[in-house]
Amino acid sequence: MAPDVEWTEMAGFPLAGTFRTPVDVTSNVREILGRDGDGWAAHDHSSVVDGENVVVLARYTATHRATGKSLNVRAAHHFIVRGGLIVRFEQFVDTLKVAEAA
């Protein structure tokens, strides 16, 4: 990630917001997903690259630790990559399905 990354988790997602440094992304997204979701994974299925734009179609899977409910939902990620670093990320996901597992 670029030092000034702009990482946006979708409105309605439990971790919704925009984070502006790799440390913010790690502490406000990655660590919380690992803490709250047992076996949290984003499985990449396909990607489209057009210059610095990368769109990845994925699937999230996890088991919510507090409820024991499973999550299995499709997602799309839009990255802008420059010089091998992620400078921008935007998430698209069915937030209702995520909420149902929480």
PDB file of N, CA and C in Angstrom:
ATOM      1  N   MET A   1       0.835  -1.185   0.000  1.00  0.00           N
ATOM      2  CA  MET A   1       0.000   0.000   0.000  1.00  0.00           C
ATOM      3  C   MET A   1       0.878   1.246   0.000  1.00  0.00           C
ATOM      4  N   ALA A   2       0.380   2.263  -0.686  1.00  0.00           N
ATOM      5  CA  ALA A   2       1.072   3.550  -0.682  1.00  0.00           C
ATOM      6  C   ALA A   2       0.947   4.181   0.705  1.00  0.00           C
ATOM      7  N   PRO A   3       1.910   4.997   1.109  1.00  0.00           N
ATOM      8  CA  PRO A   3       1.847   5.632   2.426  1.00  0.00           C
ATOM      9  C   PRO A   3       0.619   6.519   2.594  1.00  0.00           C
ATOM     10  N   ASP A   4       0.082   7.049   1.480  1.00  0.00           N
ATOM     11  CA  ASP A   4      -1.104   7.907   1.536  1.00  0.00           C
ATOM     12  C   ASP A   4      -2.312   7.224   0.893  1.00  0.00           C
ATOM     13  N   VAL A   5      -2.408   5.903   1.068  1.00  0.00           N
ATOM     14  CA  VAL A   5      -3.506   5.125   0.506  1.00  0.00           C
ATOM     15  C   VAL A   5      -4.854   5.711   0.924  1.00  0.00           C
ATOM     16  N   GLU A   6      -5.842   5.566   0.062  1.00  0.00           N
ATOM     17  CA  GLU A   6      -7.232   5.920   0.393  1.00  0.00           C
ATOM     18  C   GLU A   6      -8.031   4.624   0.275  1.00  0.00           C
ATOM     19  N   TRP A   7      -8.396   4.030   1.403  1.00  0.00           N
ATOM     20  CA  TRP A   7      -9.017   2.706   1.464  1.00  0.00           C
ATOM     21  C   TRP A   7     -10.438   2.877   1.985  1.00  0.00           C
ATOM     22  N   THR A   8     -11.440   2.580   1.161  1.00  0.00           N
ATOM     23  CA  THR A   8     -12.835   2.809   1.543  1.00  0.00           C
ATOM     24  C   THR A   8     -13.601   1.502   1.639  1.00  0.00           C
ATOM     25  N   GLU A   9     -14.099   1.236   2.838  1.00  0.00           N
ATOM     26  CA  GLU A   9     -15.015   0.130   3.082  1.00  0.00           C
ATOM     27  C   GLU A   9     -16.428   0.693   2.929  1.00  0.00           C
ATOM     28  N   MET A  10     -17.292  -0.030   2.238  1.00  0.00           N
ATOM     29  CA  MET A  10     -18.611   0.434   1.819  1.00  0.00           C
ATOM     30  C   MET A  10     -19.509   0.849   2.983  1.00  0.00           C
ATOM     31  N   ALA A  11     -20.282   1.921   2.771  1.00  0.00           N
ATOM     32  CA  ALA A  11     -21.300   2.332   3.741  1.00  0.00           C
ATOM     33  C   ALA A  11     -22.231   1.155   3.992  1.00  0.00           C
ATOM     34  N   GLY A  12     -22.545   0.908   5.253  1.00  0.00           N
ATOM     35  CA  GLY A  12     -23.384  -0.219   5.628  1.00  0.00           C
ATOM     36  C   GLY A  12     -22.581  -1.448   6.031  1.00  0.00           C
ATOM     37  N   PHE A  13     -21.310  -1.516   5.623  1.00  0.00           N
ATOM     38  CA  PHE A  13     -20.421  -2.595   6.045  1.00  0.00           C
ATOM     39  C   PHE A  13     -20.013  -2.294   7.485  1.00  0.00           C
ATOM     40  N   PRO A  14     -19.852  -3.320   8.336  1.00  0.00           N
ATOM     41  CA  PRO A  14     -19.524  -3.042   9.742  1.00  0.00           C
ATOM     42  C   PRO A  14     -18.289  -2.157   9.948  1.00  0.00           C
ATOM     43  N   LEU A  15     -17.360  -2.175   9.008  1.00  0.00           N
ATOM     44  CA  LEU A  15     -16.134  -1.387   9.146  1.00  0.00           C
ATOM     45  C   LEU A  15     -16.144  -0.175   8.212  1.00  0.00           C
ATOM     46  N   ALA A  16     -17.329   0.302   7.858  1.00  0.00           N
ATOM     47  CA  ALA A  16     -17.478   1.389   6.892  1.00  0.00           C
ATOM     48  C   ALA A  16     -16.615   2.589   7.244  1.00  0.00           C
ATOM     49  N   GLY A  17     -16.044   3.179   6.203  1.00  0.00           N
ATOM     50  CA  GLY A  17     -15.246   4.380   6.384  1.00  0.00           C
ATOM     51  C   GLY A  17     -14.099   4.412   5.404  1.00  0.00           C
ATOM     52  N   THR A  18     -13.385   5.511   5.439  1.00  0.00           N
ATOM     53  CA  THR A  18     -12.210   5.677   4.591  1.00  0.00           C
ATOM     54  C   THR A  18     -10.989   5.825   5.485  1.00  0.00           C
ATOM     55  N   PHE A  19      -9.986   5.032   5.187  1.00  0.00           N
ATOM     56  CA  PHE A  19      -8.766   4.986   5.980  1.00  0.00           C
ATOM     57  C   PHE A  19      -7.618   5.445   5.093  1.00  0.00           C
ATOM     58  N   ARG A  20      -6.704   6.241   5.640  1.00  0.00           N
ATOM     59  CA  ARG A  20      -5.750   6.958   4.802  1.00  0.00           C
ATOM     60  C   ARG A  20      -4.273   6.621   5.004  1.00  0.00           C
ATOM     61  N   THR A  21      -3.991   5.592   5.748  1.00  0.00           N
ATOM     62  CA  THR A  21      -2.606   5.117   5.864  1.00  0.00           C
ATOM     63  C   THR A  21      -2.630   3.593   5.978  1.00  0.00           C
ATOM     64  N   PRO A  22      -1.533   2.931   5.636  1.00  0.00           N
ATOM     65  CA  PRO A  22      -1.487   1.477   5.815  1.00  0.00           C
ATOM     66  C   PRO A  22      -1.748   1.051   7.264  1.00  0.00           C
ATOM     67  N   VAL A  23      -1.275   1.831   8.223  1.00  0.00           N
ATOM     68  CA  VAL A  23      -1.516   1.507   9.630  1.00  0.00           C
ATOM     69  C   VAL A  23      -3.006   1.574   9.943  1.00  0.00           C
ATOM     70  N   ASP A  24      -3.704   2.597   9.421  1.00  0.00           N
ATOM     71  CA  ASP A  24      -5.152   2.708   9.625  1.00  0.00           C
ATOM     72  C   ASP A  24      -5.893   1.523   9.013  1.00  0.00           C
ATOM     73  N   VAL A  25      -5.492   1.112   7.810  1.00  0.00           N
ATOM     74  CA  VAL A  25      -6.135  -0.023   7.154  1.00  0.00           C
ATOM     75  C   VAL A  25      -5.923  -1.286   7.978  1.00  0.00           C
ATOM     76  N   THR A  26      -4.716  -1.493   8.440  1.00  0.00           N
ATOM     77  CA  THR A  26      -4.410  -2.684   9.233  1.00  0.00           C
ATOM     78  C   THR A  26      -5.195  -2.698  10.532  1.00  0.00           C
ATOM     79  N   SER A  27      -5.181  -1.596  11.280  1.00  0.00           N
ATOM     80  CA  SER A  27      -5.819  -1.597  12.597  1.00  0.00           C
ATOM     81  C   SER A  27      -7.338  -1.462  12.538  1.00  0.00           C
ATOM     82  N   ASN A  28      -7.879  -0.802  11.515  1.00  0.00           N
ATOM     83  CA  ASN A  28      -9.328  -0.577  11.451  1.00  0.00           C
ATOM     84  C   ASN A  28     -10.067  -1.544  10.541  1.00  0.00           C
ATOM     85  N   VAL A  29      -9.336  -2.339   9.774  1.00  0.00           N
ATOM     86  CA  VAL A  29      -9.985  -3.296   8.870  1.00  0.00           C
ATOM     87  C   VAL A  29      -9.435  -4.699   9.114  1.00  0.00           C
ATOM     88  N   ARG A  30      -8.204  -4.916   8.761  1.00  0.00           N
ATOM     89  CA  ARG A  30      -7.651  -6.274   8.787  1.00  0.00           C
ATOM     90  C   ARG A  30      -7.671  -6.906  10.175  1.00  0.00           C
ATOM     91  N   GLU A  31      -7.236  -6.169  11.183  1.00  0.00           N
ATOM     92  CA  GLU A  31      -7.209  -6.737  12.531  1.00  0.00           C
ATOM     93  C   GLU A  31      -8.609  -7.029  13.049  1.00  0.00           C
ATOM     94  N   ILE A  32      -9.563  -6.146  12.755  1.00  0.00           N
ATOM     95  CA  ILE A  32     -10.940  -6.341  13.235  1.00  0.00           C
ATOM     96  C   ILE A  32     -11.593  -7.515  12.511  1.00  0.00           C
ATOM     97  N   LEU A  33     -11.369  -7.642  11.207  1.00  0.00           N
ATOM     98  CA  LEU A  33     -11.923  -8.791  10.488  1.00  0.00           C
ATOM     99  C   LEU A  33     -11.398 -10.087  11.084  1.00  0.00           C
ATOM    100  N   GLY A  34     -10.122 -10.136  11.374  1.00  0.00           N
ATOM    101  CA  GLY A  34      -9.534 -11.326  11.983  1.00  0.00           C
ATOM    102  C   GLY A  34     -10.035 -11.588  13.385  1.00  0.00           C
ATOM    103  N   ARG A  35     -10.311 -10.524  14.127  1.00  0.00           N
ATOM    104  CA  ARG A  35     -10.799 -10.664  15.496  1.00  0.00           C
ATOM    105  C   ARG A  35     -12.250 -11.144  15.529  1.00  0.00           C
ATOM    106  N   ASP A  36     -13.101 -10.584  14.658  1.00  0.00           N
ATOM    107  CA  ASP A  36     -14.539 -10.867  14.696  1.00  0.00           C
ATOM    108  C   ASP A  36     -14.965 -12.042  13.831  1.00  0.00           C
ATOM    109  N   GLY A  37     -14.170 -12.358  12.810  1.00  0.00           N
ATOM    110  CA  GLY A  37     -14.556 -13.424  11.887  1.00  0.00           C
ATOM    111  C   GLY A  37     -13.574 -14.565  11.894  1.00  0.00           C
ATOM    112  N   ASP A  38     -14.006 -15.712  12.359  1.00  0.00           N
ATOM    113  CA  ASP A  38     -13.155 -16.895  12.357  1.00  0.00           C
ATOM    114  C   ASP A  38     -12.991 -17.374  10.918  1.00  0.00           C
ATOM    115  N   GLY A  39     -11.753 -17.527  10.467  1.00  0.00           N
ATOM    116  CA  GLY A  39     -11.491 -17.991   9.122  1.00  0.00           C
ATOM    117  C   GLY A  39     -11.801 -16.974   8.039  1.00  0.00           C
ATOM    118  N   TRP A  40     -11.799 -15.690   8.395  1.00  0.00           N
ATOM    119  CA  TRP A  40     -12.123 -14.643   7.419  1.00  0.00           C
ATOM    120  C   TRP A  40     -11.215 -14.758   6.199  1.00  0.00           C
ATOM    121  N   ALA A  41     -11.832 -14.757   5.009  1.00  0.00           N
ATOM    122  CA  ALA A  41     -11.044 -14.817   3.779  1.00  0.00           C
ATOM    123  C   ALA A  41     -11.782 -14.092   2.664  1.00  0.00           C
ATOM    124  N   ALA A  42     -11.015 -13.484   1.796  1.00  0.00           N
ATOM    125  CA  ALA A  42     -11.539 -12.921   0.555  1.00  0.00           C
ATOM    126  C   ALA A  42     -10.944 -13.757  -0.565  1.00  0.00           C
ATOM    127  N   HIS A  43     -11.777 -14.538  -1.212  1.00  0.00           N
ATOM    128  CA  HIS A  43     -11.343 -15.441  -2.273  1.00  0.00           C
ATOM    129  C   HIS A  43     -11.481 -14.718  -3.611  1.00  0.00           C
ATOM    130  N   ASP A  44     -10.376 -14.467  -4.279  1.00  0.00           N
ATOM    131  CA  ASP A  44     -10.404 -13.805  -5.580  1.00  0.00           C
ATOM    132  C   ASP A  44     -10.813 -14.814  -6.648  1.00  0.00           C
ATOM    133  N   HIS A  45     -11.820 -14.431  -7.454  1.00  0.00           N
ATOM    134  CA  HIS A  45     -12.295 -15.312  -8.511  1.00  0.00           C
ATOM    135  C   HIS A  45     -11.822 -14.869  -9.885  1.00  0.00           C
ATOM    136  N   SER A  46     -11.845 -13.583 -10.132  1.00  0.00           N
ATOM    137  CA  SER A  46     -11.380 -13.078 -11.422  1.00  0.00           C
ATOM    138  C   SER A  46     -11.029 -11.609 -11.275  1.00  0.00           C
ATOM    139  N   SER A  47     -10.255 -11.117 -12.237  1.00  0.00           N
ATOM    140  CA  SER A  47      -9.871  -9.711 -12.186  1.00  0.00           C
ATOM    141  C   SER A  47      -9.792  -9.149 -13.601  1.00  0.00           C
ATOM    142  N   VAL A  48      -9.973  -7.859 -13.672  1.00  0.00           N
ATOM    143  CA  VAL A  48      -9.856  -7.124 -14.922  1.00  0.00           C
ATOM    144  C   VAL A  48      -8.888  -5.983 -14.671  1.00  0.00           C
ATOM    145  N   VAL A  49      -7.893  -5.860 -15.537  1.00  0.00           N
ATOM    146  CA  VAL A  49      -6.890  -4.808 -15.395  1.00  0.00           C
ATOM    147  C   VAL A  49      -6.972  -3.899 -16.606  1.00  0.00           C
ATOM    148  N   ASP A  50      -7.069  -2.602 -16.340  1.00  0.00           N
ATOM    149  CA  ASP A  50      -7.073  -1.586 -17.399  1.00  0.00           C
ATOM    150  C   ASP A  50      -6.172  -0.453 -16.933  1.00  0.00           C
ATOM    151  N   GLY A  51      -4.914  -0.496 -17.344  1.00  0.00           N
ATOM    152  CA  GLY A  51      -3.955   0.502 -16.882  1.00  0.00           C
ATOM    153  C   GLY A  51      -3.742   0.360 -15.388  1.00  0.00           C
ATOM    154  N   GLU A  52      -3.987   1.439 -14.658  1.00  0.00           N
ATOM    155  CA  GLU A  52      -3.798   1.392 -13.205  1.00  0.00           C
ATOM    156  C   GLU A  52      -5.055   0.959 -12.461  1.00  0.00           C
ATOM    157  N   ASN A  53      -6.147   0.699 -13.178  1.00  0.00           N
ATOM    158  CA  ASN A  53      -7.397   0.230 -12.574  1.00  0.00           C
ATOM    159  C   ASN A  53      -7.440  -1.286 -12.561  1.00  0.00           C
ATOM    160  N   VAL A  54      -7.746  -1.837 -11.388  1.00  0.00           N
ATOM    161  CA  VAL A  54      -7.884  -3.281 -11.228  1.00  0.00           C
ATOM    162  C   VAL A  54      -9.204  -3.539 -10.510  1.00  0.00           C
ATOM    163  N   VAL A  55     -10.055  -4.352 -11.124  1.00  0.00           N
ATOM    164  CA  VAL A  55     -11.309  -4.754 -10.494  1.00  0.00           C
ATOM    165  C   VAL A  55     -11.215  -6.249 -10.214  1.00  0.00           C
ATOM    166  N   VAL A  56     -11.467  -6.618  -8.974  1.00  0.00           N
ATOM    167  CA  VAL A  56     -11.399  -8.010  -8.557  1.00  0.00           C
ATOM    168  C   VAL A  56     -12.778  -8.445  -8.091  1.00  0.00           C
ATOM    169  N   LEU A  57     -13.268  -9.536  -8.667  1.00  0.00           N
ATOM    170  CA  LEU A  57     -14.509 -10.149  -8.203  1.00  0.00           C
ATOM    171  C   LEU A  57     -14.122 -11.229  -7.213  1.00  0.00           C
ATOM    172  N   ALA A  58     -14.749 -11.190  -6.046  1.00  0.00           N
ATOM    173  CA  ALA A  58     -14.315 -12.057  -4.954  1.00  0.00           C
ATOM    174  C   ALA A  58     -15.510 -12.617  -4.195  1.00  0.00           C
ATOM    175  N   ARG A  59     -15.215 -13.426  -3.215  1.00  0.00           N
ATOM    176  CA  ARG A  59     -16.208 -13.951  -2.291  1.00  0.00           C
ATOM    177  C   ARG A  59     -15.605 -13.874  -0.892  1.00  0.00           C
ATOM    178  N   TYR A  60     -16.386 -13.336   0.061  1.00  0.00           N
ATOM    179  CA  TYR A  60     -15.968 -13.310   1.459  1.00  0.00           C
ATOM    180  C   TYR A  60     -16.560 -14.536   2.152  1.00  0.00           C
ATOM    181  N   THR A  61     -15.753 -15.211   2.944  1.00  0.00           N
ATOM    182  CA  THR A  61     -16.256 -16.286   3.790  1.00  0.00           C
ATOM    183  C   THR A  61     -15.672 -16.122   5.192  1.00  0.00           C
ATOM    184  N   ALA A  62     -16.476 -16.462   6.165  1.00  0.00           N
ATOM    185  CA  ALA A  62     -16.055 -16.400   7.570  1.00  0.00           C
ATOM    186  C   ALA A  62     -17.177 -16.962   8.428  1.00  0.00           C
ATOM    187  N   THR A  63     -16.855 -17.187   9.681  1.00  0.00           N
ATOM    188  CA  THR A  63     -17.868 -17.481  10.691  1.00  0.00           C
ATOM    189  C   THR A  63     -17.744 -16.406  11.752  1.00  0.00           C
ATOM    190  N   HIS A  64     -18.857 -15.713  12.017  1.00  0.00           N
ATOM    191  CA  HIS A  64     -18.836 -14.636  13.010  1.00  0.00           C
ATOM    192  C   HIS A  64     -18.636 -15.248  14.385  1.00  0.00           C
ATOM    193  N   ARG A  65     -17.617 -14.810  15.088  1.00  0.00           N
ATOM    194  CA  ARG A  65     -17.269 -15.411  16.384  1.00  0.00           C
ATOM    195  C   ARG A  65     -18.374 -15.231  17.427  1.00  0.00           C
ATOM    196  N   ALA A  66     -19.041 -14.078  17.429  1.00  0.00           N
ATOM    197  CA  ALA A  66     -20.055 -13.814  18.453  1.00  0.00           C
ATOM    198  C   ALA A  66     -21.354 -14.568  18.195  1.00  0.00           C
ATOM    199  N   THR A  67     -21.747 -14.733  16.927  1.00  0.00           N
ATOM    200  CA  THR A  67     -23.040 -15.353  16.623  1.00  0.00           C
ATOM    201  C   THR A  67     -22.928 -16.791  16.146  1.00  0.00           C
ATOM    202  N   GLY A  68     -21.746 -17.190  15.651  1.00  0.00           N
ATOM    203  CA  GLY A  68     -21.587 -18.513  15.082  1.00  0.00           C
ATOM    204  C   GLY A  68     -22.187 -18.643  13.688  1.00  0.00           C
ATOM    205  N   LYS A  69     -22.716 -17.540  13.144  1.00  0.00           N
ATOM    206  CA  LYS A  69     -23.318 -17.566  11.808  1.00  0.00           C
ATOM    207  C   LYS A  69     -22.236 -17.469  10.736  1.00  0.00           C
ATOM    208  N   SER A  70     -22.507 -18.154   9.627  1.00  0.00           N
ATOM    209  CA  SER A  70     -21.564 -18.151   8.509  1.00  0.00           C
ATOM    210  C   SER A  70     -21.833 -17.007   7.556  1.00  0.00           C
ATOM    211  N   LEU A  71     -20.766 -16.503   6.977  1.00  0.00           N
ATOM    212  CA  LEU A  71     -20.826 -15.478   5.942  1.00  0.00           C
ATOM    213  C   LEU A  71     -20.300 -16.092   4.657  1.00  0.00           C
ATOM    214  N   ASN A  72     -21.046 -15.898   3.571  1.00  0.00           N
ATOM    215  CA  ASN A  72     -20.620 -16.343   2.257  1.00  0.00           C
ATOM    216  C   ASN A  72     -21.270 -15.389   1.268  1.00  0.00           C
ATOM    217  N   VAL A  73     -20.535 -14.363   0.846  1.00  0.00           N
ATOM    218  CA  VAL A  73     -21.120 -13.292   0.045  1.00  0.00           C
ATOM    219  C   VAL A  73     -20.151 -12.839  -1.040  1.00  0.00           C
ATOM    220  N   ARG A  74     -20.708 -12.479  -2.190  1.00  0.00           N
ATOM    221  CA  ARG A  74     -19.898 -11.963  -3.294  1.00  0.00           C
ATOM    222  C   ARG A  74     -19.525 -10.516  -3.008  1.00  0.00           C
ATOM    223  N   ALA A  75     -18.364 -10.123  -3.531  1.00  0.00           N
ATOM    224  CA  ALA A  75     -17.888  -8.750  -3.359  1.00  0.00           C
ATOM    225  C   ALA A  75     -17.110  -8.350  -4.604  1.00  0.00           C
ATOM    226  N   ALA A  76     -16.982  -7.055  -4.794  1.00  0.00           N
ATOM    227  CA  ALA A  76     -16.136  -6.523  -5.851  1.00  0.00           C
ATOM    228  C   ALA A  76     -15.223  -5.471  -5.229  1.00  0.00           C
ATOM    229  N   HIS A  77     -13.991  -5.464  -5.664  1.00  0.00           N
ATOM    230  CA  HIS A  77     -13.005  -4.501  -5.176  1.00  0.00           C
ATOM    231  C   HIS A  77     -12.439  -3.738  -6.361  1.00  0.00           C
ATOM    232  N   HIS A  78     -12.372  -2.423  -6.217  1.00  0.00           N
ATOM    233  CA  HIS A  78     -11.740  -1.592  -7.241  1.00  0.00           C
ATOM    234  C   HIS A  78     -10.467  -1.012  -6.633  1.00  0.00           C
ATOM    235  N   PHE A  79      -9.357  -1.330  -7.246  1.00  0.00           N
ATOM    236  CA  PHE A  79      -8.058  -0.828  -6.818  1.00  0.00           C
ATOM    237  C   PHE A  79      -7.515   0.120  -7.875  1.00  0.00           C
ATOM    238  N   ILE A  80      -6.784   1.119  -7.441  1.00  0.00           N
ATOM    239  CA  ILE A  80      -5.914   1.887  -8.324  1.00  0.00           C
ATOM    240  C   ILE A  80      -4.506   1.603  -7.842  1.00  0.00           C
ATOM    241  N   VAL A  81      -3.679   1.098  -8.765  1.00  0.00           N
ATOM    242  CA  VAL A  81      -2.322   0.679  -8.438  1.00  0.00           C
ATOM    243  C   VAL A  81      -1.347   1.508  -9.259  1.00  0.00           C
ATOM    244  N   ARG A  82      -0.415   2.146  -8.573  1.00  0.00           N
ATOM    245  CA  ARG A  82       0.639   2.926  -9.231  1.00  0.00           C
ATOM    246  C   ARG A  82       1.978   2.497  -8.666  1.00  0.00           C
ATOM    247  N   GLY A  83       2.909   2.245  -9.554  1.00  0.00           N
ATOM    248  CA  GLY A  83       4.243   1.862  -9.107  1.00  0.00           C
ATOM    249  C   GLY A  83       4.239   0.634  -8.229  1.00  0.00           C
ATOM    250  N   GLY A  84       3.292  -0.267  -8.446  1.00  0.00           N
ATOM    251  CA  GLY A  84       3.212  -1.491  -7.664  1.00  0.00           C
ATOM    252  C   GLY A  84       2.565  -1.335  -6.303  1.00  0.00           C
ATOM    253  N   LEU A  85       2.046  -0.137  -5.988  1.00  0.00           N
ATOM    254  CA  LEU A  85       1.424   0.117  -4.687  1.00  0.00           C
ATOM    255  C   LEU A  85      -0.057   0.448  -4.852  1.00  0.00           C
ATOM    256  N   ILE A  86      -0.881  -0.025  -3.921  1.00  0.00           N
ATOM    257  CA  ILE A  86      -2.293   0.338  -3.916  1.00  0.00           C
ATOM    258  C   ILE A  86      -2.398   1.777  -3.426  1.00  0.00           C
ATOM    259  N   VAL A  87      -2.940   2.656  -4.266  1.00  0.00           N
ATOM    260  CA  VAL A  87      -3.129   4.049  -3.855  1.00  0.00           C
ATOM    261  C   VAL A  87      -4.589   4.326  -3.506  1.00  0.00           C
ATOM    262  N   ARG A  88      -5.492   3.488  -4.039  1.00  0.00           N
ATOM    263  CA  ARG A  88      -6.916   3.666  -3.737  1.00  0.00           C
ATOM    264  C   ARG A  88      -7.594   2.308  -3.791  1.00  0.00           C
ATOM    265  N   PHE A  89      -8.544   2.105  -2.875  1.00  0.00           N
ATOM    266  CA  PHE A  89      -9.323   0.878  -2.809  1.00  0.00           C
ATOM    267  C   PHE A  89     -10.755   1.253  -2.492  1.00  0.00           C
ATOM    268  N   GLU A  90     -11.701   0.609  -3.176  1.00  0.00           N
ATOM    269  CA  GLU A  90     -13.117   0.797  -2.854  1.00  0.00           C
ATOM    270  C   GLU A  90     -13.799  -0.563  -2.896  1.00  0.00           C
ATOM    271  N   GLN A  91     -14.569  -0.838  -1.861  1.00  0.00           N
ATOM    272  CA  GLN A  91     -15.244  -2.115  -1.695  1.00  0.00           C
ATOM    273  C   GLN A  91     -16.713  -1.986  -2.093  1.00  0.00           C
ATOM    274  N   PHE A  92     -17.234  -3.047  -2.725  1.00  0.00           N
ATOM    275  CA  PHE A  92     -18.661  -3.158  -3.037  1.00  0.00           C
ATOM    276  C   PHE A  92     -19.113  -4.538  -2.569  1.00  0.00           C
ATOM    277  N   VAL A  93     -20.157  -4.582  -1.706  1.00  0.00           N
ATOM    278  CA  VAL A  93     -20.591  -5.852  -1.146  1.00  0.00           C
ATOM    279  C   VAL A  93     -22.058  -5.714  -0.714  1.00  0.00           C
ATOM    280  N   ASP A  94     -22.759  -6.829  -0.680  1.00  0.00           N
ATOM    281  CA  ASP A  94     -24.143  -6.852  -0.192  1.00  0.00           C
ATOM    282  C   ASP A  94     -24.111  -6.745   1.338  1.00  0.00           C
ATOM    283  N   THR A  95     -24.269  -5.530   1.835  1.00  0.00           N
ATOM    284  CA  THR A  95     -24.125  -5.299   3.278  1.00  0.00           C
ATOM    285  C   THR A  95     -25.228  -5.956   4.092  1.00  0.00           C
ATOM    286  N   LEU A  96     -26.395  -6.225   3.499  1.00  0.00           N
ATOM    287  CA  LEU A  96     -27.452  -6.919   4.216  1.00  0.00           C
ATOM    288  C   LEU A  96     -27.008  -8.341   4.554  1.00  0.00           C
ATOM    289  N   LYS A  97     -26.395  -9.023   3.609  1.00  0.00           N
ATOM    290  CA  LYS A  97     -25.926 -10.390   3.874  1.00  0.00           C
ATOM    291  C   LYS A  97     -24.830 -10.387   4.948  1.00  0.00           C
ATOM    292  N   VAL A  98     -23.999  -9.377   4.941  1.00  0.00           N
ATOM    293  CA  VAL A  98     -22.968  -9.268   5.970  1.00  0.00           C
ATOM    294  C   VAL A  98     -23.619  -9.052   7.333  1.00  0.00           C
ATOM    295  N   ALA A  99     -24.606  -8.160   7.390  1.00  0.00           N
ATOM    296  CA  ALA A  99     -25.306  -7.877   8.661  1.00  0.00           C
ATOM    297  C   ALA A  99     -26.040  -9.113   9.175  1.00  0.00           C
ATOM    298  N   GLU A 100     -26.596  -9.912   8.287  1.00  0.00           N
ATOM    299  CA  GLU A 100     -27.327 -11.115   8.700  1.00  0.00           C
ATOM    300  C   GLU A 100     -26.414 -12.124   9.397  1.00  0.00           C
ATOM    301  N   ALA A 101     -25.136 -12.089   9.086  1.00  0.00           N
ATOM    302  CA  ALA A 101     -24.184 -13.023   9.705  1.00  0.00           C
ATOM    303  C   ALA A 101     -23.637 -12.492  11.021  1.00  0.00           C
ATOM    304  N   ALA A 102     -23.934 -11.252  11.339  1.00  0.00           N
ATOM    305  CA  ALA A 102     -23.362 -10.641  12.544  1.00  0.00           C
ATOM    306  C   ALA A 102     -24.254 -10.715  13.734  1.00  0.00           C
TER     307      ALA A 102
END
